[in-house]
């Protein structure tokens, strides 16, 4: 949790916080990214961030939801 609180920008914390407990569905996660970062609805931005977070191991796909894994 300390790692999550230390992350910048705040929008990244908001996105990762969404997947902590029950996880977040793909569509809801993409909408949250668009809103949190102020992006236009460009799937490429969301895809790139998802790929980076997945590669880092911070977001993991579990069935139909994304779960946050920090630490």
N, C-alpha and C. Protein backbone atom coordinates (compact mmCIF):
# COMPACT_ATOMS: atom_id res chain seq x y z
N UNK A 1 0.82 -1.19 0.00
CA UNK A 1 0.00 0.00 0.00
C UNK A 1 0.87 1.25 0.00
N UNK A 2 2.03 1.18 0.65
CA UNK A 2 2.93 2.32 0.68
C UNK A 2 3.38 2.68 -0.73
N UNK A 3 3.66 1.67 -1.53
CA UNK A 3 4.06 1.90 -2.91
C UNK A 3 2.97 2.63 -3.68
N UNK A 4 1.73 2.20 -3.50
CA UNK A 4 0.61 2.83 -4.19
C UNK A 4 0.49 4.30 -3.81
N UNK A 5 0.62 4.61 -2.55
CA UNK A 5 0.48 5.99 -2.09
C UNK A 5 1.61 6.88 -2.59
N UNK A 6 2.76 6.31 -2.89
CA UNK A 6 3.91 7.08 -3.34
C UNK A 6 3.93 7.31 -4.85
N UNK A 7 3.07 6.63 -5.59
CA UNK A 7 3.09 6.74 -7.05
C UNK A 7 2.60 8.09 -7.53
N UNK A 8 3.22 8.59 -8.54
CA UNK A 8 2.81 9.81 -9.23
C UNK A 8 2.65 9.46 -10.70
N UNK A 9 1.74 10.03 -11.38
CA UNK A 9 0.77 11.05 -11.00
C UNK A 9 -0.41 10.43 -10.24
N UNK A 10 -1.22 11.29 -9.68
CA UNK A 10 -2.38 10.85 -8.91
C UNK A 10 -3.32 10.01 -9.77
N UNK A 11 -3.39 10.28 -11.05
CA UNK A 11 -4.27 9.51 -11.95
C UNK A 11 -3.85 8.04 -11.98
N UNK A 12 -2.55 7.78 -11.91
CA UNK A 12 -2.06 6.40 -11.90
C UNK A 12 -2.50 5.70 -10.61
N UNK A 13 -2.43 6.40 -9.50
CA UNK A 13 -2.90 5.83 -8.24
C UNK A 13 -4.39 5.48 -8.33
N UNK A 14 -5.16 6.36 -8.94
CA UNK A 14 -6.60 6.14 -9.08
C UNK A 14 -6.89 4.89 -9.92
N UNK A 15 -6.17 4.73 -11.01
CA UNK A 15 -6.35 3.57 -11.89
C UNK A 15 -5.99 2.28 -11.15
N UNK A 16 -4.86 2.27 -10.47
CA UNK A 16 -4.43 1.06 -9.77
C UNK A 16 -5.32 0.76 -8.56
N UNK A 17 -5.80 1.79 -7.89
CA UNK A 17 -6.68 1.59 -6.74
C UNK A 17 -7.97 0.88 -7.15
N UNK A 18 -8.44 1.14 -8.36
CA UNK A 18 -9.68 0.53 -8.85
C UNK A 18 -9.59 -0.99 -8.90
N UNK A 19 -8.41 -1.53 -9.11
CA UNK A 19 -8.25 -2.98 -9.24
C UNK A 19 -7.83 -3.68 -7.98
N UNK A 20 -7.83 -3.00 -6.85
CA UNK A 20 -7.29 -3.60 -5.62
C UNK A 20 -8.13 -4.75 -5.06
N UNK A 21 -9.37 -4.55 -4.80
CA UNK A 21 -10.15 -5.56 -4.09
C UNK A 21 -10.78 -6.57 -5.04
N UNK A 22 -11.86 -6.21 -5.68
CA UNK A 22 -12.58 -7.14 -6.53
C UNK A 22 -12.10 -7.12 -7.97
N UNK A 23 -11.26 -6.18 -8.30
CA UNK A 23 -10.82 -6.03 -9.67
C UNK A 23 -11.76 -5.10 -10.42
N UNK A 24 -11.42 -4.82 -11.63
CA UNK A 24 -12.22 -3.91 -12.44
C UNK A 24 -12.33 -4.49 -13.85
N UNK A 25 -13.52 -4.41 -14.40
CA UNK A 25 -13.76 -4.93 -15.75
C UNK A 25 -13.00 -4.10 -16.78
N UNK A 26 -12.70 -4.70 -17.90
CA UNK A 26 -11.90 -4.06 -18.95
C UNK A 26 -12.50 -2.72 -19.39
N UNK A 27 -13.78 -2.71 -19.72
CA UNK A 27 -14.42 -1.48 -20.18
C UNK A 27 -14.40 -0.39 -19.13
N UNK A 28 -14.66 -0.76 -17.88
CA UNK A 28 -14.65 0.21 -16.78
C UNK A 28 -13.24 0.75 -16.55
N UNK A 29 -12.23 -0.11 -16.68
CA UNK A 29 -10.84 0.32 -16.50
C UNK A 29 -10.44 1.32 -17.58
N UNK A 30 -10.82 1.04 -18.81
CA UNK A 30 -10.49 1.95 -19.91
C UNK A 30 -11.20 3.30 -19.74
N UNK A 31 -12.44 3.27 -19.32
CA UNK A 31 -13.17 4.51 -19.07
C UNK A 31 -12.51 5.30 -17.93
N UNK A 32 -12.10 4.60 -16.89
CA UNK A 32 -11.41 5.25 -15.78
C UNK A 32 -10.11 5.89 -16.23
N UNK A 33 -9.36 5.21 -17.10
CA UNK A 33 -8.11 5.78 -17.63
C UNK A 33 -8.39 7.06 -18.41
N UNK A 34 -9.40 7.01 -19.25
CA UNK A 34 -9.75 8.19 -20.06
C UNK A 34 -10.08 9.36 -19.14
N UNK A 35 -10.89 9.10 -18.11
CA UNK A 35 -11.29 10.16 -17.19
C UNK A 35 -10.14 10.63 -16.31
N UNK A 36 -9.37 9.70 -15.76
CA UNK A 36 -8.30 10.04 -14.82
C UNK A 36 -7.19 10.84 -15.48
N UNK A 37 -6.83 10.47 -16.71
CA UNK A 37 -5.73 11.13 -17.38
C UNK A 37 -6.18 12.25 -18.31
N UNK A 38 -7.50 12.42 -18.47
CA UNK A 38 -8.01 13.48 -19.34
C UNK A 38 -7.76 13.20 -20.82
N UNK A 39 -7.67 11.93 -21.17
CA UNK A 39 -7.45 11.55 -22.57
C UNK A 39 -8.75 11.62 -23.34
N UNK A 40 -8.61 11.87 -24.64
CA UNK A 40 -9.75 11.66 -25.54
C UNK A 40 -9.93 10.15 -25.62
N UNK A 41 -11.07 9.71 -26.04
CA UNK A 41 -11.31 8.27 -26.11
C UNK A 41 -10.50 7.64 -27.22
N UNK A 42 -9.22 7.50 -26.95
CA UNK A 42 -8.28 6.91 -27.90
C UNK A 42 -7.82 5.57 -27.34
N UNK A 43 -8.25 4.47 -27.95
CA UNK A 43 -7.89 3.16 -27.41
C UNK A 43 -6.38 2.92 -27.37
N UNK A 44 -5.62 3.59 -28.22
CA UNK A 44 -4.17 3.38 -28.24
C UNK A 44 -3.53 3.81 -26.92
N UNK A 45 -4.00 4.91 -26.34
CA UNK A 45 -3.45 5.39 -25.06
C UNK A 45 -3.71 4.35 -23.97
N UNK A 46 -4.93 3.86 -23.90
CA UNK A 46 -5.28 2.87 -22.89
C UNK A 46 -4.51 1.57 -23.11
N UNK A 47 -4.41 1.15 -24.35
CA UNK A 47 -3.69 -0.09 -24.66
C UNK A 47 -2.23 0.02 -24.24
N UNK A 48 -1.62 1.17 -24.50
CA UNK A 48 -0.21 1.35 -24.16
C UNK A 48 0.00 1.33 -22.65
N UNK A 49 -0.86 2.03 -21.91
CA UNK A 49 -0.72 2.04 -20.46
C UNK A 49 -1.00 0.66 -19.88
N UNK A 50 -2.03 -0.02 -20.37
CA UNK A 50 -2.32 -1.38 -19.90
C UNK A 50 -1.13 -2.31 -20.14
N UNK A 51 -0.52 -2.21 -21.31
CA UNK A 51 0.63 -3.06 -21.62
C UNK A 51 1.79 -2.77 -20.68
N UNK A 52 2.05 -1.50 -20.41
CA UNK A 52 3.14 -1.15 -19.49
C UNK A 52 2.88 -1.65 -18.07
N UNK A 53 1.66 -1.46 -17.59
CA UNK A 53 1.31 -1.90 -16.24
C UNK A 53 1.30 -3.42 -16.14
N UNK A 54 0.86 -4.09 -17.20
CA UNK A 54 0.87 -5.56 -17.23
C UNK A 54 2.31 -6.08 -17.26
N UNK A 55 3.16 -5.48 -18.09
CA UNK A 55 4.55 -5.91 -18.18
C UNK A 55 5.29 -5.71 -16.86
N UNK A 56 4.94 -4.66 -16.15
CA UNK A 56 5.56 -4.38 -14.86
C UNK A 56 5.01 -5.30 -13.76
N UNK A 57 3.87 -5.96 -14.05
CA UNK A 57 3.25 -6.86 -13.10
C UNK A 57 2.28 -6.19 -12.15
N UNK A 58 1.95 -4.93 -12.41
CA UNK A 58 1.06 -4.18 -11.52
C UNK A 58 -0.41 -4.44 -11.81
N UNK A 59 -0.75 -4.80 -13.03
CA UNK A 59 -2.11 -5.19 -13.38
C UNK A 59 -2.05 -6.58 -14.00
N UNK A 60 -2.90 -7.46 -13.49
CA UNK A 60 -2.93 -8.85 -13.93
C UNK A 60 -4.36 -9.18 -14.32
N UNK A 61 -4.52 -9.83 -15.45
CA UNK A 61 -5.84 -10.21 -15.93
C UNK A 61 -6.30 -11.48 -15.22
N UNK A 62 -7.50 -11.43 -14.62
CA UNK A 62 -8.13 -12.59 -13.98
C UNK A 62 -9.51 -12.74 -14.58
N UNK A 63 -9.64 -13.60 -15.57
CA UNK A 63 -10.93 -13.77 -16.24
C UNK A 63 -11.35 -12.49 -16.94
N UNK A 64 -12.46 -11.92 -16.50
CA UNK A 64 -12.99 -10.72 -17.12
C UNK A 64 -12.56 -9.44 -16.42
N UNK A 65 -11.71 -9.56 -15.40
CA UNK A 65 -11.32 -8.36 -14.64
C UNK A 65 -9.81 -8.21 -14.57
N UNK A 66 -9.41 -6.99 -14.29
CA UNK A 66 -8.01 -6.66 -14.03
C UNK A 66 -7.84 -6.49 -12.53
N UNK A 67 -6.80 -7.08 -11.98
CA UNK A 67 -6.50 -6.97 -10.56
C UNK A 67 -5.14 -6.30 -10.39
N UNK A 68 -5.06 -5.45 -9.38
CA UNK A 68 -3.82 -4.75 -9.08
C UNK A 68 -2.94 -5.64 -8.20
N UNK A 69 -1.67 -5.73 -8.54
CA UNK A 69 -0.67 -6.48 -7.78
C UNK A 69 0.54 -5.58 -7.60
N UNK A 70 0.74 -5.10 -6.41
CA UNK A 70 1.92 -4.28 -6.14
C UNK A 70 2.78 -4.98 -5.10
N UNK A 71 4.10 -4.93 -5.36
CA UNK A 71 5.01 -5.48 -4.35
C UNK A 71 5.44 -6.84 -4.57
